[in-house]
């Protein structure tokens, strides 16, 4: 979490420049990192080019001077930055906040969770989103999204289904989510069902690591083509019935 942001004046070649100090805390460990505003903005511009980088805003340096409380603007920026698990897997963010030297990224999502959902034997408590490089969004549903990701360990392309815990619980869908997981577990070698490799969770989300099927969703093809031939329809129907 962000404890706060302070500032101090430094002089470089006789020019007065403000340096901002970010005070961070995870569990009982605290540390600080210092950056000039231009460094904040450089990070923001890098993240802005990525997908799913929503909610992050940071004005340019010239506009920043009109704010009466620049620290508040930067505090909000960093708070939103670290509240998104996808941002924390970004190497630029990890370097900017000096995360790798101060916390165990593979355990942070598990140790801080006070509201765990039992994922059974499929859960890998050592896994985290930091084990993957997120490539793009490939699907979206009522409770979350599906991402194409690449394993940093094996370089394998996988699909990660990410569900928001609050949405699942509010709609009382925990049992349905677990039923879906149970089907995937019992049918690991079925040719017409995606294989569930493992699952893990963070403070706010559930993650299911699945086979990546590059053909896309059936619904996408129906929307695009409107109708299928009878032969193709029989083929899909047979797959669904078998599954």
Foldseek 3Di string as FASTA:
>chain_A
DWPFKDWDWDADPNDTFIKIKTWDDADHDIDIDIDGVVLVVVVVVVLVPDPPSPPADDDDPVVCVVDPDSRVNVVSNVVVQVVDQLSVLDPSSCVRGVVVVTDDQQQRQPVPAPDDDDLDPQADNRHGPNQWNWDAWQAADDFGTKTFIAGPVPRDTWIKTKGWPVSCVVVVNSVVVSVVSVVLVVPQPPPLDWHFNGWYGGNTIIITITHDDPVGDPVVVCVVVVDDDPVVVVVVVVSVVVD
